[in-house]
Amino acid sequence: MEQIKRTKIKDILASAEYEKTVNVKGWVRTRRGNKFVNFIALNDGSSIHNLQIVADVTQFDEELIKRITTGSAISVNGTLKESAGKGQSVEIQATEIEVVGDCNADEYPLQPKKHSLEFLREIAHLRFRTNTFGAIARVRHAMIFAVHSFFSEKGFLNIHTPIITASDAEGAGEMFKVTTMDINNAPKTEEGDVDYSKDFFGKATNLTVSGQLEGELAALAMSEIYTFGPTFRAENSNTTRHLAEFWMIEPEMAFYDLDDNMDLAEEFTKYLLNYALENCMEDLEFLSKRLQEEEKGKKAADQSMELIEKLRFVVDNDYIRLTYTEAIDILMQSKPHKKGKFQYELKGFGSDLQSEHERYLVEKHFKKPVILTDYPMSIKAFYMKQSDDGKTVKAMDVLFPQIGEIIGGSQREESYDKLLERMRAMDLPEEEMSWYLDTRKFGSVPHSGFGLGFERLMLFVTGMGNIRDVIPFPRTPNNAEF
């Protein structure tokens, strides 16, 4: 086969250089035709769209044509032609075809038909080859790039925080233990407890739930930093919104108060969604049609907002800002609360808001994205700045349509005495957290930060309903395949 430099299918589809000789390589989606001509739909992952290869059967060996099955990988040399076929502007008239990788058609599970998302999770090693997961992978890459672009343009430094840690940033206790000890024969102390002094790190260690605390250390020297890394929760939850392994974006900023923090969160989320609208439109249009098809049988009131309209809803609106107390008053006066329509009952100040309450504020009451501030101290983390009222903290949550909270953050407590008092009240280990307390003794300043769960962002941008479908290889209870 003549050696011609390969061109990606995305670039071929955008080209109008007819009669040019080109080479494309990819995986066969379908082959159809008759004894005279075959039409091969080829995809290489660069685009949601397939490229049509037209093969004059009389010009090729019969055995070669038989090997071109769904799932096989081929290399094609041919002439770029204007297409008369419906749905494509160009096609390739094949002059040479090589089967690079055969596919056992009898065993290949991805046949040209609709497959359920549940089935595709069972073959996650192959689901990239479907239109849906190809689109999700391209959008995910675009969002990763946009995250780094946004912070880099604003002068933030990317900091790698540890994946193995001895601290529990959230105080939740649901962490994966890291050890090199034989769990069937672990050394014990005289009291009969596991003797972690004999372990690799000489103490009990876990996989991190957040890079925030270490991020604060960097911000209190470099001013503005962000982390973007894997985090882990050993929460035995099998919902559509929980993963055991996921990715978090956590900026931390010195000299930022709560208002600065909210400004950054609004600017950041709008930047990301704008980037998706400007760079991923073909994939978004496909994902929007997929969602509409999936919801055809639902009542109009239960159907999701159209995907691209939903993204523009966020980009085109200023975010409403109000306190948690004001939000509780609105919710307590709402029809769903008075008629008992909320699944989770509200009991006034101190209630932990659920997704249904957050969505009511965004979708029904304000019809705009919402940022709630000044939450009760009792339901928030120890590191949040305490307000003068002694009841609330300088926290903020950004609420989006159809998903509820997408960002959680706060101004951090810079006072050594107040932070220590709060840690003692929550029975957190002072000695193990001495390094964190030190930052409040040596040049402490007001500072703020927030966390955005990347997979939650991906749910919003793609319109998918299950978080297991927006990460390549989901880790959930009883599932660590691939």
Protein backbone atom coordinates (compact mmCIF):
# COMPACT_ATOMS: atom_id res chain seq x y z
CA MET A 1 0.00 0.00 0.00
CA GLU A 2 1.41 3.42 -0.95
CA GLN A 3 2.58 5.43 2.05
CA ILE A 4 0.53 8.65 2.27
CA LYS A 5 0.46 10.80 5.39
CA ARG A 6 -2.73 10.15 7.35
CA THR A 7 -5.41 12.85 7.64
CA LYS A 8 -7.90 12.85 10.51
CA ILE A 9 -11.53 12.36 9.52
CA LYS A 10 -12.51 15.63 11.21
CA ASP A 11 -10.19 17.49 8.83
CA ILE A 12 -11.37 15.50 5.80
CA LEU A 13 -14.98 16.41 6.54
CA ALA A 14 -14.08 20.10 6.74
CA SER A 15 -12.08 19.96 3.50
CA ALA A 16 -13.22 20.84 -0.02
CA GLU A 17 -10.00 19.87 -1.82
CA TYR A 18 -11.75 17.52 -4.22
CA GLU A 19 -9.72 15.11 -6.36
CA LYS A 20 -6.90 15.17 -3.79
CA THR A 21 -5.37 11.80 -2.86
CA VAL A 22 -5.62 11.18 0.91
CA ASN A 23 -5.14 8.46 3.53
CA VAL A 24 -7.54 7.85 6.42
CA LYS A 25 -7.45 5.26 9.17
CA GLY A 26 -10.13 4.26 11.62
CA TRP A 27 -12.69 1.70 12.73
CA VAL A 28 -15.57 0.48 10.62
CA ARG A 29 -19.00 1.38 11.94
CA THR A 30 -20.98 -0.23 9.11
CA ARG A 31 -20.51 -1.72 5.65
CA ARG A 32 -23.39 -1.99 3.20
CA GLY A 33 -23.78 -2.38 -0.54
CA ASN A 34 -24.03 -4.97 -3.29
CA LYS A 35 -21.73 -7.07 -5.47
CA PHE A 36 -20.64 -3.97 -7.39
CA VAL A 37 -20.11 -1.24 -4.77
CA ASN A 38 -19.74 -1.08 -0.97
CA PHE A 39 -20.24 1.92 1.30
CA ILE A 40 -18.12 1.85 4.46
CA ALA A 41 -18.82 4.22 7.38
CA LEU A 42 -15.45 4.96 9.01
CA ASN A 43 -14.78 6.73 12.31
CA ASP A 44 -11.45 7.56 13.98
CA GLY A 45 -12.75 9.33 17.10
CA SER A 46 -11.89 12.83 15.88
CA SER A 47 -15.52 13.66 15.02
CA ILE A 48 -19.06 12.59 15.85
CA HIS A 49 -19.56 12.14 12.10
CA ASN A 50 -18.46 9.12 10.07
CA LEU A 51 -16.66 9.40 6.76
CA GLN A 52 -18.13 7.43 3.85
CA ILE A 53 -15.69 5.25 1.93
CA VAL A 54 -16.91 4.15 -1.49
CA ALA A 55 -15.29 0.90 -2.64
CA ASP A 56 -15.72 -0.51 -6.13
CA VAL A 57 -15.95 -4.19 -5.20
CA THR A 58 -14.65 -5.32 -8.58
CA GLN A 59 -11.34 -3.56 -7.84
CA PHE A 60 -10.66 -5.41 -4.56
CA ASP A 61 -10.02 -8.98 -3.52
CA GLU A 62 -13.19 -10.72 -2.32
CA GLU A 63 -11.48 -11.99 0.84
CA LEU A 64 -10.37 -8.43 1.73
CA ILE A 65 -13.94 -7.14 1.44
CA LYS A 66 -15.20 -9.93 3.71
CA ARG A 67 -12.69 -8.91 6.38
CA ILE A 68 -14.11 -5.36 6.47
CA THR A 69 -16.67 -5.91 9.23
CA THR A 70 -18.13 -3.69 11.96
CA GLY A 71 -15.33 -3.09 14.48
CA SER A 72 -12.42 -3.85 12.15
CA ALA A 73 -9.66 -1.26 11.69
CA ILE A 74 -8.71 -0.24 8.16
CA SER A 75 -6.37 2.12 6.32
CA VAL A 76 -7.70 3.65 3.10
CA ASN A 77 -5.99 5.50 0.29
CA GLY A 78 -8.35 7.24 -2.08
CA THR A 79 -9.56 10.34 -3.85
CA LEU A 80 -11.59 12.98 -2.03
CA LYS A 81 -14.87 13.50 -3.85
CA GLU A 82 -17.90 15.73 -3.38
CA SER A 83 -20.63 13.45 -2.06
CA ALA A 84 -24.04 13.08 -3.61
CA GLY A 85 -25.16 11.05 -0.58
CA LYS A 86 -27.48 12.43 2.06
CA GLY A 87 -25.88 13.70 5.28
CA GLN A 88 -22.32 14.22 4.07
CA SER A 89 -20.56 16.72 1.85
CA VAL A 90 -17.47 14.63 1.04
CA GLU A 91 -16.58 10.98 0.60
CA ILE A 92 -13.54 8.99 -0.43
CA GLN A 93 -13.36 6.89 -3.56
CA ALA A 94 -11.10 4.08 -2.37
CA THR A 95 -8.11 3.01 -4.47
CA GLU A 96 -6.34 0.94 -1.80
CA ILE A 97 -7.64 -0.64 1.41
CA GLU A 98 -5.65 -2.46 4.07
CA VAL A 99 -7.21 -4.24 7.05
CA VAL A 100 -5.01 -3.11 9.93
CA GLY A 101 -6.92 -5.03 12.61
CA ASP A 102 -9.45 -7.81 12.07
CA CYS A 103 -12.57 -7.99 14.24
CA ASN A 104 -14.34 -11.21 15.15
CA ALA A 105 -17.80 -10.17 13.99
CA ASP A 106 -19.52 -13.04 15.82
CA GLU A 107 -18.15 -11.93 19.21
CA TYR A 108 -18.04 -8.14 18.76
CA PRO A 109 -20.69 -6.74 21.16
CA LEU A 110 -21.15 -3.34 19.47
CA GLN A 111 -23.40 -4.12 16.56
CA PRO A 112 -25.00 -1.29 14.51
CA LYS A 113 -28.05 -0.91 16.75
CA LYS A 114 -29.11 0.98 19.86
CA HIS A 115 -27.49 -0.32 23.04
CA SER A 116 -28.62 0.56 26.59
CA LEU A 117 -26.30 2.61 28.79
CA GLU A 118 -26.43 -0.19 31.36
CA PHE A 119 -25.12 -2.68 28.80
CA LEU A 120 -22.39 -0.29 27.70
CA ARG A 121 -21.18 0.10 31.31
CA GLU A 122 -20.52 -3.64 31.28
CA ILE A 123 -18.22 -3.19 28.28
CA ALA A 124 -16.67 0.13 29.25
CA HIS A 125 -13.45 -0.89 27.48
CA LEU A 126 -15.33 -0.67 24.16
CA ARG A 127 -17.94 2.02 24.76
CA PHE A 128 -15.62 4.80 23.50
CA ARG A 129 -16.48 3.49 20.02
CA THR A 130 -20.13 4.50 20.30
CA ASN A 131 -21.34 7.93 19.21
CA THR A 132 -22.48 8.82 22.72
CA PHE A 133 -19.24 7.99 24.50
CA GLY A 134 -17.10 9.38 21.71
CA ALA A 135 -18.95 12.69 22.13
CA ILE A 136 -18.57 12.58 25.93
CA ALA A 137 -14.82 11.89 25.64
CA ARG A 138 -14.31 14.86 23.31
CA VAL A 139 -16.37 17.20 25.51
CA ARG A 140 -14.50 15.98 28.60
CA HIS A 141 -11.17 16.79 26.95
CA ALA A 142 -12.43 20.24 25.95
CA MET A 143 -13.54 20.96 29.52
CA ILE A 144 -10.18 19.83 30.95
CA PHE A 145 -8.42 22.15 28.51
CA ALA A 146 -10.81 25.02 29.36
CA VAL A 147 -10.17 24.62 33.11
CA HIS A 148 -6.43 24.97 32.67
CA SER A 149 -6.84 27.80 30.13
CA PHE A 150 -9.07 29.84 32.45
CA PHE A 151 -6.77 29.68 35.45
CA SER A 152 -3.61 30.12 33.40
CA GLU A 153 -5.03 33.25 31.75
CA LYS A 154 -5.77 34.65 35.24
CA GLY A 155 -2.25 33.96 36.52
CA PHE A 156 -3.12 31.04 38.84
CA LEU A 157 -0.51 28.34 39.46
CA ASN A 158 -1.48 24.68 39.13
CA ILE A 159 -0.39 22.80 42.26
CA HIS A 160 -0.24 19.02 42.61
CA THR A 161 -1.49 18.10 46.07
CA PRO A 162 -0.94 14.66 47.61
CA ILE A 163 -3.14 11.70 46.75
CA ILE A 164 -1.97 9.84 49.87
CA THR A 165 -2.72 11.80 53.03
CA ALA A 166 -2.99 11.40 56.78
CA SER A 167 -5.72 14.05 57.12
CA ASP A 168 -9.46 14.01 56.45
CA ALA A 169 -10.22 17.39 54.90
CA GLU A 170 -13.99 17.02 55.14
CA GLY A 171 -14.13 15.35 58.55
CA ALA A 172 -16.45 12.75 57.04
CA GLY A 173 -14.33 9.70 57.81
CA GLU A 174 -15.32 7.86 54.59
CA MET A 175 -11.81 7.28 53.30
CA PHE A 176 -9.91 4.45 51.62
CA LYS A 177 -7.01 3.23 53.74
CA VAL A 178 -3.55 2.92 52.16
CA THR A 179 -1.26 0.25 53.59
CA THR A 180 1.54 -2.16 52.66
CA MET A 181 0.81 -4.38 55.65
CA ASP A 182 -0.61 -7.89 55.30
CA ILE A 183 -4.23 -7.28 56.25
CA ASN A 184 -4.56 -10.90 57.37
CA ASN A 185 -1.58 -10.62 59.71
CA ALA A 186 -1.20 -6.94 60.61
CA PRO A 187 1.05 -6.09 63.58
CA LYS A 188 -0.84 -5.11 66.72
CA THR A 189 -0.15 -2.79 69.64
CA GLU A 190 -0.30 -4.01 73.25
CA GLU A 191 -3.89 -2.76 73.31
CA GLY A 192 -4.75 -4.98 70.33
CA ASP A 193 -5.15 -2.20 67.76
CA VAL A 194 -3.41 -2.23 64.36
CA ASP A 195 0.11 -0.86 64.86
CA TYR A 196 0.43 1.66 62.03
CA SER A 197 3.91 2.65 63.23
CA LYS A 198 5.03 -0.51 61.43
CA ASP A 199 3.34 0.55 58.19
CA PHE A 200 5.12 2.13 55.20
CA PHE A 201 4.54 5.73 56.30
CA GLY A 202 4.74 5.00 60.02
CA LYS A 203 1.15 6.17 60.52
CA ALA A 204 -2.36 5.52 59.21
CA THR A 205 -2.82 6.99 55.71
CA ASN A 206 -5.69 7.28 53.26
CA LEU A 207 -6.54 8.29 49.73
CA THR A 208 -7.43 11.98 49.73
CA VAL A 209 -10.96 13.34 49.67
CA SER A 210 -9.76 16.85 48.74
CA GLY A 211 -6.65 18.81 47.86
CA GLN A 212 -8.03 21.91 49.56
CA LEU A 213 -6.05 21.98 52.81
CA GLU A 214 -2.71 21.56 51.04
CA GLY A 215 -3.90 24.04 48.39
CA GLU A 216 -4.37 26.64 51.12
CA LEU A 217 -0.73 26.24 52.12
CA ALA A 218 0.37 27.10 48.58
CA ALA A 219 -2.07 30.01 48.26
CA LEU A 220 -0.65 31.56 51.44
CA ALA A 221 2.62 32.04 49.57
CA MET A 222 1.76 32.09 45.86
CA SER A 223 -1.50 34.10 46.23
CA GLU A 224 -3.64 32.26 43.66
CA ILE A 225 -3.44 28.54 42.92
CA TYR A 226 -5.68 25.70 41.79
CA THR A 227 -5.60 21.94 42.03
CA PHE A 228 -7.15 19.52 39.55
CA GLY A 229 -6.74 15.96 40.66
CA PRO A 230 -8.35 12.66 41.62
CA THR A 231 -10.19 12.37 44.93
CA PHE A 232 -11.73 9.36 46.64
CA ARG A 233 -14.75 8.67 48.86
CA ALA A 234 -15.43 5.29 50.46
CA GLU A 235 -19.14 6.03 50.61
CA ASN A 236 -21.25 2.93 50.03
CA SER A 237 -23.65 4.76 47.75
CA ASN A 238 -25.08 3.37 44.52
CA THR A 239 -26.85 6.51 43.30
CA THR A 240 -26.59 8.17 39.87
CA ARG A 241 -24.60 11.04 41.47
CA HIS A 242 -21.87 9.21 43.41
CA LEU A 243 -18.47 7.78 42.45
CA ALA A 244 -15.75 6.35 44.67
CA GLU A 245 -13.09 7.96 42.45
CA PHE A 246 -13.66 11.33 40.82
CA TRP A 247 -11.83 14.53 39.86
CA MET A 248 -11.97 17.84 41.70
CA ILE A 249 -11.04 21.38 40.68
CA GLU A 250 -10.16 23.44 43.77
CA PRO A 251 -8.86 27.01 43.50
CA GLU A 252 -7.56 28.75 46.62
CA MET A 253 -6.95 32.51 46.69
CA ALA A 254 -5.19 34.68 49.26
CA PHE A 255 -6.69 38.13 49.91
CA TYR A 256 -10.11 37.03 48.53
CA ASP A 257 -13.23 37.56 50.62
CA LEU A 258 -16.56 35.79 50.03
CA ASP A 259 -17.67 38.30 47.38
CA ASP A 260 -14.42 37.83 45.44
CA ASN A 261 -14.93 34.08 45.70
CA MET A 262 -18.45 34.31 44.26
CA ASP A 263 -17.26 36.55 41.43
CA LEU A 264 -14.60 34.01 40.48
CA ALA A 265 -17.02 31.05 40.64
CA GLU A 266 -19.49 32.83 38.35
CA GLU A 267 -16.80 33.89 35.89
CA PHE A 268 -15.27 30.39 35.89
CA THR A 269 -18.48 28.46 35.25
CA LYS A 270 -19.57 30.84 32.49
CA TYR A 271 -16.14 30.53 30.85
CA LEU A 272 -16.37 26.73 30.82
CA LEU A 273 -19.88 26.63 29.36
CA ASN A 274 -19.01 29.30 26.77
CA TYR A 275 -16.00 27.21 25.76
CA ALA A 276 -18.22 24.16 25.28
CA LEU A 277 -20.72 26.14 23.18
CA GLU A 278 -17.95 27.57 21.01
CA ASN A 279 -15.87 24.41 20.56
CA CYS A 280 -18.12 21.35 21.01
CA MET A 281 -21.30 22.27 19.16
CA GLU A 282 -21.51 19.18 16.94
CA ASP A 283 -21.16 16.88 19.95
CA LEU A 284 -23.59 18.98 22.02
CA GLU A 285 -26.19 18.85 19.24
CA PHE A 286 -25.85 15.07 19.10
CA LEU A 287 -26.12 14.77 22.90
CA SER A 288 -29.14 17.09 22.91
CA LYS A 289 -30.94 14.89 20.34
CA ARG A 290 -30.01 11.78 22.33
CA LEU A 291 -31.55 13.32 25.48
CA GLN A 292 -34.73 14.38 23.68
CA GLU A 293 -35.09 10.89 22.23
CA GLU A 294 -34.60 9.35 25.67
CA GLU A 295 -37.29 11.55 27.24
CA LYS A 296 -39.94 11.17 24.53
CA GLY A 297 -42.29 9.17 26.76
CA LYS A 298 -42.12 11.59 29.70
CA LYS A 299 -44.71 14.21 30.54
CA ALA A 300 -43.71 17.71 29.42
CA ALA A 301 -43.32 18.81 33.06
CA ASP A 302 -40.84 15.99 33.72
CA GLN A 303 -38.68 16.58 30.64
CA SER A 304 -35.28 18.22 30.93
CA MET A 305 -34.54 21.65 29.53
CA GLU A 306 -33.04 21.30 26.03
CA LEU A 307 -29.29 20.87 26.50
CA ILE A 308 -27.94 23.86 24.54
CA GLU A 309 -30.74 26.09 25.88
CA LYS A 310 -29.75 25.00 29.40
CA LEU A 311 -26.11 25.96 28.85
CA ARG A 312 -27.14 29.34 27.46
CA PHE A 313 -29.50 29.79 30.45
CA VAL A 314 -26.42 29.85 32.69
CA VAL A 315 -24.15 31.84 30.37
CA ASP A 316 -26.71 34.56 29.60
CA ASN A 317 -27.93 35.25 33.16
CA ASP A 318 -26.36 37.02 36.13
CA TYR A 319 -26.38 34.70 39.13
CA ILE A 320 -28.81 35.65 41.89
CA ARG A 321 -27.10 35.97 45.29
CA LEU A 322 -28.96 35.55 48.55
CA THR A 323 -28.36 34.18 52.03
CA TYR A 324 -29.32 30.70 53.17
CA THR A 325 -31.77 32.33 55.65
CA GLU A 326 -33.50 34.21 52.81
CA ALA A 327 -33.65 30.99 50.78
CA ILE A 328 -35.22 29.09 53.69
CA ASP A 329 -37.90 31.80 54.01
CA ILE A 330 -38.70 31.50 50.28
CA LEU A 331 -38.85 27.71 50.46
CA MET A 332 -41.03 27.68 53.60
CA GLN A 333 -43.51 29.98 51.82
CA SER A 334 -43.45 27.96 48.59
CA LYS A 335 -46.41 25.92 47.30
CA PRO A 336 -44.45 22.63 47.17
CA HIS A 337 -43.58 22.98 50.86
CA LYS A 338 -47.06 24.05 51.96
CA LYS A 339 -48.65 21.20 49.97
CA GLY A 340 -46.10 18.62 51.14
CA LYS A 341 -44.74 18.05 47.63
CA PHE A 342 -41.08 18.13 48.61
CA GLN A 343 -39.68 14.66 49.24
CA TYR A 344 -37.43 16.01 52.02
CA GLU A 345 -39.19 18.04 54.69
CA LEU A 346 -37.84 21.46 55.61
CA LYS A 347 -37.83 22.45 59.27
CA GLY A 348 -36.56 26.00 58.98
CA PHE A 349 -33.11 27.34 59.81
CA GLY A 350 -30.59 24.52 60.14
CA SER A 351 -32.20 22.28 57.50
CA ASP A 352 -29.71 20.79 55.06
CA LEU A 353 -31.00 21.76 51.61
CA GLN A 354 -31.53 18.91 49.16
CA SER A 355 -31.28 19.01 45.37
CA GLU A 356 -35.07 19.44 45.01
CA HIS A 357 -34.99 22.59 47.17
CA GLU A 358 -32.02 24.03 45.28
CA ARG A 359 -33.67 23.31 41.93
CA TYR A 360 -36.91 25.00 43.05
CA LEU A 361 -34.98 28.21 43.75
CA VAL A 362 -33.21 28.10 40.36
CA GLU A 363 -35.90 26.74 38.05
CA LYS A 364 -39.15 27.95 39.58
CA HIS A 365 -38.57 30.94 41.84
CA PHE A 366 -35.73 32.97 40.31
CA LYS A 367 -35.39 31.29 36.87
CA LYS A 368 -31.68 32.07 37.07
CA PRO A 369 -28.58 30.39 38.54
CA VAL A 370 -28.33 31.06 42.28
CA ILE A 371 -25.50 31.48 44.79
CA LEU A 372 -26.51 30.84 48.41
CA THR A 373 -24.33 32.26 51.20
CA ASP A 374 -24.03 32.35 54.99
CA TYR A 375 -25.02 28.79 55.90
CA PRO A 376 -25.54 27.58 59.48
CA MET A 377 -22.22 26.70 61.09
CA SER A 378 -23.66 23.39 62.28
CA ILE A 379 -23.98 21.94 58.75
CA LYS A 380 -20.67 23.17 57.30
CA ALA A 381 -16.98 22.23 57.54
CA PHE A 382 -14.63 23.32 60.33
CA TYR A 383 -12.39 25.52 58.15
CA MET A 384 -15.10 28.00 57.06
CA LYS A 385 -14.90 31.58 58.34
CA GLN A 386 -17.24 32.20 61.24
CA SER A 387 -19.61 35.17 60.96
CA ASP A 388 -20.07 37.75 63.68
CA ASP A 389 -23.56 36.40 64.48
CA GLY A 390 -22.01 33.23 65.98
CA LYS A 391 -24.47 31.06 64.02
CA THR A 392 -23.39 31.17 60.39
CA VAL A 393 -20.24 30.80 58.30
CA LYS A 394 -19.07 32.59 55.15
CA ALA A 395 -19.97 29.68 52.89
CA MET A 396 -21.30 29.76 49.34
CA ASP A 397 -22.94 27.17 47.08
CA VAL A 398 -23.54 27.74 43.37
CA LEU A 399 -26.82 26.20 42.19
CA PHE A 400 -27.60 25.25 38.58
CA PRO A 401 -30.81 24.06 36.90
CA GLN A 402 -31.54 20.31 36.91
CA ILE A 403 -28.51 19.50 39.05
CA GLY A 404 -28.67 21.74 42.12
CA GLU A 405 -25.31 22.43 43.77
CA ILE A 406 -22.40 22.41 41.33
CA ILE A 407 -19.85 24.39 43.40
CA GLY A 408 -19.30 24.52 47.14
CA GLY A 409 -16.89 26.97 48.74
CA SER A 410 -16.23 29.51 51.43
CA GLN A 411 -14.03 32.17 52.85
CA ARG A 412 -11.61 30.25 55.07
CA GLU A 413 -11.19 30.98 58.78
CA GLU A 414 -7.91 32.90 59.11
CA SER A 415 -8.04 33.31 62.91
CA TYR A 416 -5.88 30.76 64.74
CA ASP A 417 -7.97 30.92 67.92
CA LYS A 418 -11.33 30.53 66.16
CA LEU A 419 -10.07 27.70 63.96
CA LEU A 420 -8.59 25.85 66.94
CA GLU A 421 -11.80 26.31 68.93
CA ARG A 422 -13.87 24.91 66.06
CA MET A 423 -11.54 21.93 65.59
CA ARG A 424 -11.78 21.11 69.28
CA ALA A 425 -15.57 21.38 69.17
CA MET A 426 -15.60 18.88 66.27
CA ASP A 427 -13.04 16.62 67.98
CA LEU A 428 -10.49 16.94 65.16
CA PRO A 429 -6.87 15.93 65.93
CA GLU A 430 -4.85 19.08 66.67
CA GLU A 431 -1.46 17.41 66.53
CA GLU A 432 -2.03 15.81 63.13
CA MET A 433 -3.30 19.13 61.76
CA SER A 434 -0.55 21.28 63.26
CA TRP A 435 0.81 22.09 59.80
CA TYR A 436 -2.59 23.54 58.82
CA LEU A 437 -2.85 25.56 62.02
CA ASP A 438 0.65 26.94 61.43
CA THR A 439 -0.57 28.96 58.46
CA ARG A 440 -2.79 30.88 60.89
CA LYS A 441 0.23 31.77 63.03
CA PHE A 442 2.72 32.87 60.39
CA GLY A 443 1.36 35.70 58.26
CA SER A 444 -2.27 34.66 58.06
CA VAL A 445 -4.51 36.60 55.66
CA PRO A 446 -8.15 36.49 54.58
CA HIS A 447 -8.44 33.81 51.90
CA SER A 448 -11.11 31.86 50.05
CA GLY A 449 -11.65 28.92 47.75
CA PHE A 450 -14.16 26.50 46.29
CA GLY A 451 -14.50 23.03 44.84
CA LEU A 452 -16.08 21.97 41.56
CA GLY A 453 -16.61 18.25 41.03
CA PHE A 454 -15.52 17.71 37.44
CA GLU A 455 -17.89 14.80 36.79
CA ARG A 456 -20.81 16.86 38.11
CA LEU A 457 -19.85 19.56 35.61
CA MET A 458 -19.74 16.88 32.91
CA LEU A 459 -23.25 15.71 33.83
CA PHE A 460 -24.47 19.25 33.34
CA VAL A 461 -22.63 19.90 30.06
CA THR A 462 -23.52 16.58 28.40
CA GLY A 463 -27.06 16.10 29.71
CA MET A 464 -26.28 12.55 30.82
CA GLY A 465 -28.33 11.25 33.74
CA ASN A 466 -25.79 8.96 35.44
CA ILE A 467 -22.37 10.04 36.66
CA ARG A 468 -20.96 6.62 35.69
CA ASP A 469 -21.37 7.64 32.06
CA VAL A 470 -19.23 10.80 32.14
CA ILE A 471 -16.01 9.22 33.47
CA PRO A 472 -14.22 6.63 31.31
CA PHE A 473 -13.93 3.87 33.92
CA PRO A 474 -16.30 4.39 36.87
CA ARG A 475 -15.36 3.18 40.35
CA THR A 476 -18.42 2.41 42.47
CA PRO A 477 -19.34 -0.10 45.19
CA ASN A 478 -18.61 -3.65 43.94
CA ASN A 479 -17.23 -2.29 40.66
CA ALA A 480 -13.55 -1.79 39.88
CA GLU A 481 -13.47 -3.31 36.41
CA PHE A 482 -11.15 -2.32 33.57
